[in-house]
N, C-alpha and C. Protein backbone atom coordinates (compact mmCIF):
# COMPACT_ATOMS: atom_id res chain seq x y z
N UNK A 1 -6.12 0.61 -16.09
CA UNK A 1 -5.11 1.44 -15.49
C UNK A 1 -5.65 2.02 -14.20
N UNK A 2 -4.74 2.29 -13.31
CA UNK A 2 -5.11 2.85 -12.02
C UNK A 2 -4.34 4.14 -11.80
N UNK A 3 -5.01 5.11 -11.21
CA UNK A 3 -4.32 6.32 -10.78
C UNK A 3 -3.83 6.08 -9.36
N UNK A 4 -2.55 6.31 -9.14
CA UNK A 4 -1.96 6.19 -7.82
C UNK A 4 -1.47 7.58 -7.45
N UNK A 5 -2.06 8.15 -6.41
CA UNK A 5 -1.66 9.48 -5.95
C UNK A 5 -0.87 9.34 -4.67
N UNK A 6 0.35 9.88 -4.68
CA UNK A 6 1.22 9.86 -3.51
C UNK A 6 1.17 11.23 -2.85
N UNK A 7 1.03 11.25 -1.53
CA UNK A 7 1.03 12.50 -0.78
C UNK A 7 1.87 12.32 0.48
N UNK A 8 2.65 13.34 0.80
CA UNK A 8 3.53 13.27 1.95
C UNK A 8 4.13 14.64 2.22
N UNK A 9 4.45 14.92 3.48
CA UNK A 9 5.20 16.15 3.77
C UNK A 9 6.59 16.12 3.14
N UNK A 10 7.05 14.94 2.73
CA UNK A 10 8.38 14.80 2.14
C UNK A 10 8.44 15.25 0.68
N UNK A 11 7.29 15.50 0.07
CA UNK A 11 7.28 15.96 -1.33
C UNK A 11 6.53 17.28 -1.41
N UNK A 12 6.96 18.19 -2.31
CA UNK A 12 6.37 19.52 -2.37
C UNK A 12 4.90 19.55 -2.79
N UNK A 13 4.49 18.60 -3.64
CA UNK A 13 3.08 18.51 -4.04
C UNK A 13 2.74 17.06 -4.32
N UNK A 14 1.46 16.76 -4.31
CA UNK A 14 1.02 15.39 -4.59
C UNK A 14 1.46 14.98 -5.98
N UNK A 15 1.76 13.70 -6.12
CA UNK A 15 2.18 13.14 -7.40
C UNK A 15 1.20 12.04 -7.78
N UNK A 16 0.59 12.17 -8.97
CA UNK A 16 -0.31 11.13 -9.46
C UNK A 16 0.33 10.46 -10.66
N UNK A 17 0.39 9.14 -10.62
CA UNK A 17 0.98 8.35 -11.70
C UNK A 17 -0.02 7.28 -12.12
N UNK A 18 0.22 6.70 -13.26
CA UNK A 18 -0.64 5.63 -13.78
C UNK A 18 0.07 4.30 -13.61
N UNK A 19 -0.65 3.33 -13.12
CA UNK A 19 -0.12 1.98 -12.97
C UNK A 19 -0.99 1.05 -13.80
N UNK A 20 -0.37 0.15 -14.51
CA UNK A 20 -1.10 -0.78 -15.36
C UNK A 20 -1.69 -1.88 -14.50
N UNK A 21 -3.00 -2.06 -14.59
CA UNK A 21 -3.68 -3.11 -13.82
C UNK A 21 -3.19 -4.48 -14.27
N UNK A 22 -3.01 -5.37 -13.34
CA UNK A 22 -2.59 -6.72 -13.65
C UNK A 22 -1.10 -6.87 -13.88
N UNK A 23 -0.35 -5.80 -13.69
CA UNK A 23 1.09 -5.82 -13.91
C UNK A 23 1.83 -6.54 -12.78
N UNK A 24 1.19 -6.73 -11.66
CA UNK A 24 1.72 -7.37 -10.45
C UNK A 24 2.98 -6.69 -9.92
N UNK A 25 3.11 -5.42 -10.15
CA UNK A 25 4.21 -4.66 -9.58
C UNK A 25 3.80 -4.14 -8.22
N UNK A 26 4.77 -4.00 -7.34
CA UNK A 26 4.46 -3.49 -6.02
C UNK A 26 4.33 -1.98 -6.06
N UNK A 27 3.69 -1.47 -5.04
CA UNK A 27 3.55 -0.03 -4.89
C UNK A 27 4.94 0.63 -4.80
N UNK A 28 5.87 -0.02 -4.13
CA UNK A 28 7.21 0.52 -4.02
C UNK A 28 7.89 0.61 -5.38
N UNK A 29 7.73 -0.39 -6.23
CA UNK A 29 8.36 -0.33 -7.55
C UNK A 29 7.75 0.77 -8.40
N UNK A 30 6.45 1.00 -8.27
CA UNK A 30 5.80 2.11 -8.99
C UNK A 30 6.35 3.44 -8.49
N UNK A 31 6.49 3.57 -7.17
CA UNK A 31 7.02 4.80 -6.59
C UNK A 31 8.46 5.04 -7.06
N UNK A 32 9.29 4.02 -7.02
CA UNK A 32 10.68 4.17 -7.44
C UNK A 32 10.78 4.56 -8.92
N UNK A 33 9.94 3.95 -9.75
CA UNK A 33 9.95 4.26 -11.18
C UNK A 33 9.67 5.74 -11.43
N UNK A 34 8.81 6.33 -10.60
CA UNK A 34 8.42 7.73 -10.78
C UNK A 34 9.14 8.67 -9.79
N UNK A 35 10.20 8.16 -9.17
CA UNK A 35 11.04 8.94 -8.27
C UNK A 35 10.27 9.56 -7.10
N UNK A 36 9.29 8.81 -6.60
CA UNK A 36 8.55 9.22 -5.40
C UNK A 36 9.34 8.67 -4.21
N UNK A 37 9.76 9.53 -3.27
CA UNK A 37 10.70 9.12 -2.22
C UNK A 37 10.09 8.39 -1.02
N UNK A 38 9.41 7.28 -1.26
CA UNK A 38 8.94 6.47 -0.14
C UNK A 38 10.17 5.86 0.53
N UNK A 39 10.24 6.01 1.86
CA UNK A 39 11.38 5.44 2.60
C UNK A 39 11.26 3.92 2.59
N UNK A 40 12.38 3.25 2.39
CA UNK A 40 12.41 1.79 2.46
C UNK A 40 13.82 1.35 2.84
N UNK A 41 13.91 0.14 3.35
CA UNK A 41 15.21 -0.43 3.69
C UNK A 41 15.39 -1.80 3.07
N UNK A 42 14.63 -2.78 3.53
CA UNK A 42 14.90 -4.16 3.12
C UNK A 42 14.24 -4.56 1.80
N UNK A 43 13.14 -3.95 1.43
CA UNK A 43 12.35 -4.29 0.23
C UNK A 43 11.84 -5.73 0.27
N UNK A 44 11.80 -6.31 1.46
CA UNK A 44 11.43 -7.72 1.59
C UNK A 44 10.27 -7.94 2.55
N UNK A 45 9.68 -6.86 3.08
CA UNK A 45 8.54 -7.00 3.96
C UNK A 45 8.86 -7.31 5.41
N UNK A 46 10.12 -7.20 5.78
CA UNK A 46 10.50 -7.58 7.14
C UNK A 46 10.73 -6.39 8.07
N UNK A 47 11.20 -5.25 7.53
CA UNK A 47 11.57 -4.14 8.41
C UNK A 47 10.40 -3.19 8.71
N UNK A 48 9.43 -3.10 7.81
CA UNK A 48 8.28 -2.24 8.03
C UNK A 48 8.52 -0.78 7.73
N UNK A 49 9.71 -0.43 7.23
CA UNK A 49 10.04 0.99 7.01
C UNK A 49 9.23 1.64 5.89
N UNK A 50 8.66 0.85 5.01
CA UNK A 50 7.90 1.40 3.89
C UNK A 50 6.39 1.41 4.15
N UNK A 51 6.00 1.36 5.43
CA UNK A 51 4.57 1.38 5.78
C UNK A 51 3.94 2.67 5.27
N UNK A 52 2.78 2.55 4.66
CA UNK A 52 2.06 3.72 4.17
C UNK A 52 0.55 3.46 4.30
N UNK A 53 -0.17 4.54 4.38
CA UNK A 53 -1.63 4.46 4.49
C UNK A 53 -2.20 4.49 3.09
N UNK A 54 -3.01 3.49 2.75
CA UNK A 54 -3.58 3.37 1.41
C UNK A 54 -5.09 3.48 1.50
N UNK A 55 -5.65 4.42 0.73
CA UNK A 55 -7.11 4.60 0.68
C UNK A 55 -7.57 4.42 -0.76
N UNK A 56 -8.66 3.68 -0.93
CA UNK A 56 -9.25 3.52 -2.26
C UNK A 56 -10.11 4.73 -2.54
N UNK A 57 -9.94 5.34 -3.71
CA UNK A 57 -10.64 6.58 -4.02
C UNK A 57 -11.97 6.39 -4.75
N UNK A 58 -12.26 5.20 -5.21
CA UNK A 58 -13.54 4.96 -5.86
C UNK A 58 -14.62 4.86 -4.79
N UNK A 59 -15.84 5.11 -5.14
CA UNK A 59 -16.94 5.05 -4.18
C UNK A 59 -17.41 3.64 -3.91
N UNK A 60 -16.79 2.65 -4.53
CA UNK A 60 -17.20 1.26 -4.38
C UNK A 60 -16.45 0.59 -3.23
N UNK A 61 -16.93 -0.55 -2.81
CA UNK A 61 -16.24 -1.35 -1.81
C UNK A 61 -14.91 -1.80 -2.38
N UNK A 62 -13.82 -1.59 -1.64
CA UNK A 62 -12.50 -2.00 -2.16
C UNK A 62 -12.42 -3.50 -2.37
N UNK A 63 -11.63 -3.88 -3.36
CA UNK A 63 -11.38 -5.30 -3.59
C UNK A 63 -10.53 -5.85 -2.46
N UNK A 64 -10.76 -7.09 -2.11
CA UNK A 64 -9.93 -7.73 -1.11
C UNK A 64 -8.50 -7.82 -1.61
N UNK A 65 -7.59 -7.41 -0.80
CA UNK A 65 -6.19 -7.40 -1.19
C UNK A 65 -5.43 -8.19 -0.14
N UNK A 66 -4.85 -9.29 -0.54
CA UNK A 66 -4.19 -10.18 0.41
C UNK A 66 -2.99 -9.54 1.08
N UNK A 67 -2.90 -9.78 2.36
CA UNK A 67 -1.72 -9.39 3.13
C UNK A 67 -0.75 -10.56 3.13
N UNK A 68 0.53 -10.29 2.91
CA UNK A 68 1.51 -11.35 3.04
C UNK A 68 1.75 -11.61 4.52
N UNK A 69 2.27 -12.78 4.84
CA UNK A 69 2.56 -13.10 6.24
C UNK A 69 3.56 -12.11 6.82
N UNK A 70 4.59 -11.76 6.04
CA UNK A 70 5.58 -10.80 6.51
C UNK A 70 4.93 -9.45 6.80
N UNK A 71 4.00 -9.07 5.93
CA UNK A 71 3.32 -7.78 6.09
C UNK A 71 2.47 -7.77 7.36
N UNK A 72 1.77 -8.84 7.61
CA UNK A 72 0.95 -8.94 8.83
C UNK A 72 1.82 -8.75 10.07
N UNK A 73 2.94 -9.43 10.11
CA UNK A 73 3.82 -9.36 11.27
C UNK A 73 4.42 -7.97 11.42
N UNK A 74 4.97 -7.41 10.34
CA UNK A 74 5.63 -6.10 10.42
C UNK A 74 4.66 -5.00 10.81
N UNK A 75 3.47 -5.00 10.21
CA UNK A 75 2.49 -3.95 10.51
C UNK A 75 1.91 -4.10 11.91
N UNK A 76 1.71 -5.33 12.35
CA UNK A 76 1.18 -5.53 13.69
C UNK A 76 2.21 -5.13 14.74
N UNK A 77 3.48 -5.51 14.55
CA UNK A 77 4.54 -5.13 15.49
C UNK A 77 4.74 -3.62 15.55
N UNK A 78 4.51 -2.95 14.42
CA UNK A 78 4.66 -1.49 14.38
C UNK A 78 3.43 -0.77 14.93
N UNK A 79 2.39 -1.52 15.26
CA UNK A 79 1.17 -0.91 15.79
C UNK A 79 0.31 -0.23 14.73
N UNK A 80 0.52 -0.59 13.47
CA UNK A 80 -0.22 0.03 12.37
C UNK A 80 -1.56 -0.67 12.11
N UNK A 81 -1.63 -1.97 12.38
CA UNK A 81 -2.89 -2.69 12.21
C UNK A 81 -3.12 -3.59 13.43
N UNK A 82 -4.38 -3.93 13.62
CA UNK A 82 -4.77 -4.77 14.75
C UNK A 82 -5.04 -6.19 14.30
N UNK A 83 -5.15 -7.08 15.26
CA UNK A 83 -5.52 -8.47 14.95
C UNK A 83 -6.90 -8.51 14.29
N UNK A 84 -7.81 -7.63 14.72
CA UNK A 84 -9.14 -7.57 14.12
C UNK A 84 -9.07 -7.15 12.65
N UNK A 85 -8.21 -6.19 12.33
CA UNK A 85 -8.07 -5.77 10.94
C UNK A 85 -7.47 -6.88 10.07
N UNK A 86 -6.56 -7.65 10.64
CA UNK A 86 -6.03 -8.80 9.91
C UNK A 86 -7.14 -9.82 9.67
N UNK A 87 -7.92 -10.09 10.69
CA UNK A 87 -9.06 -11.02 10.56
C UNK A 87 -10.04 -10.51 9.50
N UNK A 88 -10.37 -9.23 9.53
CA UNK A 88 -11.30 -8.66 8.55
C UNK A 88 -10.75 -8.76 7.13
N UNK A 89 -9.46 -8.60 6.97
CA UNK A 89 -8.84 -8.71 5.65
C UNK A 89 -8.93 -10.15 5.14
N UNK A 90 -8.70 -11.10 6.03
CA UNK A 90 -8.70 -12.51 5.63
C UNK A 90 -10.09 -13.09 5.45
N UNK A 91 -11.01 -12.71 6.31
CA UNK A 91 -12.34 -13.32 6.31
C UNK A 91 -13.41 -12.51 5.57
N UNK A 92 -13.26 -11.18 5.56
CA UNK A 92 -14.31 -10.34 4.99
C UNK A 92 -13.84 -9.52 3.79
N UNK A 93 -12.59 -9.74 3.35
CA UNK A 93 -12.01 -9.01 2.23
C UNK A 93 -12.03 -7.49 2.42
N UNK A 94 -11.84 -7.06 3.66
CA UNK A 94 -11.77 -5.63 3.95
C UNK A 94 -10.30 -5.25 4.13
N UNK A 95 -9.75 -4.46 3.22
CA UNK A 95 -8.34 -4.12 3.34
C UNK A 95 -8.07 -3.21 4.53
N UNK A 96 -6.96 -3.43 5.23
CA UNK A 96 -6.59 -2.56 6.34
C UNK A 96 -6.08 -1.23 5.81
N UNK A 97 -6.06 -0.20 6.64
CA UNK A 97 -5.63 1.12 6.17
C UNK A 97 -4.14 1.21 5.90
N UNK A 98 -3.33 0.42 6.58
CA UNK A 98 -1.88 0.48 6.41
C UNK A 98 -1.38 -0.73 5.65
N UNK A 99 -0.44 -0.49 4.74
CA UNK A 99 0.19 -1.56 3.96
C UNK A 99 1.68 -1.29 3.87
N UNK A 100 2.44 -2.30 3.48
CA UNK A 100 3.84 -2.12 3.17
C UNK A 100 3.96 -1.92 1.67
N UNK A 101 4.62 -0.84 1.28
CA UNK A 101 4.74 -0.53 -0.15
C UNK A 101 5.46 -1.63 -0.92
N UNK A 102 6.37 -2.34 -0.25
CA UNK A 102 7.12 -3.40 -0.93
C UNK A 102 6.31 -4.68 -1.10
N UNK A 103 5.16 -4.77 -0.46
CA UNK A 103 4.32 -5.98 -0.54
C UNK A 103 3.00 -5.74 -1.25
N UNK A 104 2.54 -4.51 -1.27
CA UNK A 104 1.23 -4.16 -1.82
C UNK A 104 1.28 -4.20 -3.36
N UNK A 105 0.43 -4.99 -3.97
CA UNK A 105 0.35 -5.08 -5.43
C UNK A 105 -0.73 -4.11 -5.90
N UNK A 106 -0.37 -3.23 -6.80
CA UNK A 106 -1.31 -2.24 -7.33
C UNK A 106 -2.33 -2.95 -8.22
N UNK A 107 -3.59 -2.69 -7.96
CA UNK A 107 -4.67 -3.27 -8.77
C UNK A 107 -5.22 -2.19 -9.69
N UNK A 108 -6.45 -2.35 -10.14
CA UNK A 108 -7.04 -1.37 -11.07
C UNK A 108 -7.83 -0.27 -10.36
N UNK A 109 -7.74 -0.22 -9.04
CA UNK A 109 -8.46 0.81 -8.29
C UNK A 109 -7.59 2.05 -8.13
N UNK A 110 -8.21 3.21 -8.22
CA UNK A 110 -7.51 4.46 -7.94
C UNK A 110 -7.28 4.54 -6.44
N UNK A 111 -6.03 4.85 -6.04
CA UNK A 111 -5.70 4.88 -4.62
C UNK A 111 -4.93 6.14 -4.25
N UNK A 112 -5.05 6.50 -2.98
CA UNK A 112 -4.27 7.57 -2.39
C UNK A 112 -3.31 6.94 -1.41
N UNK A 113 -2.02 7.27 -1.54
CA UNK A 113 -0.98 6.70 -0.70
C UNK A 113 -0.37 7.82 0.13
N UNK A 114 -0.52 7.71 1.45
CA UNK A 114 0.08 8.70 2.37
C UNK A 114 1.28 8.03 3.03
N UNK A 115 2.40 8.73 2.98
CA UNK A 115 3.61 8.20 3.60
C UNK A 115 4.38 9.29 4.32
């Protein structure tokens, strides 16, 4: 299980929920299940409206988390990630700081989600 903590000026206090590791649910579906108001529009990775900053809270090196092609394009066009960060994610398994909630699959790592 993973602890997912959501923080935002849009909510009165941080919300921590549990996500089952290996469930292959997106961060957006976890947020919706727990009524966390992450803004979204298309839910398909094309509009970029659900961009959020994701930090791994464990002291270990984060697991490589694949970026979808749609996510790469949307985040790069929005100026949230650079070509170098995309390269680092693909070649060195270093996750970028920004992800799309509709594309990010929750793993077993405890994470902080700022939106």
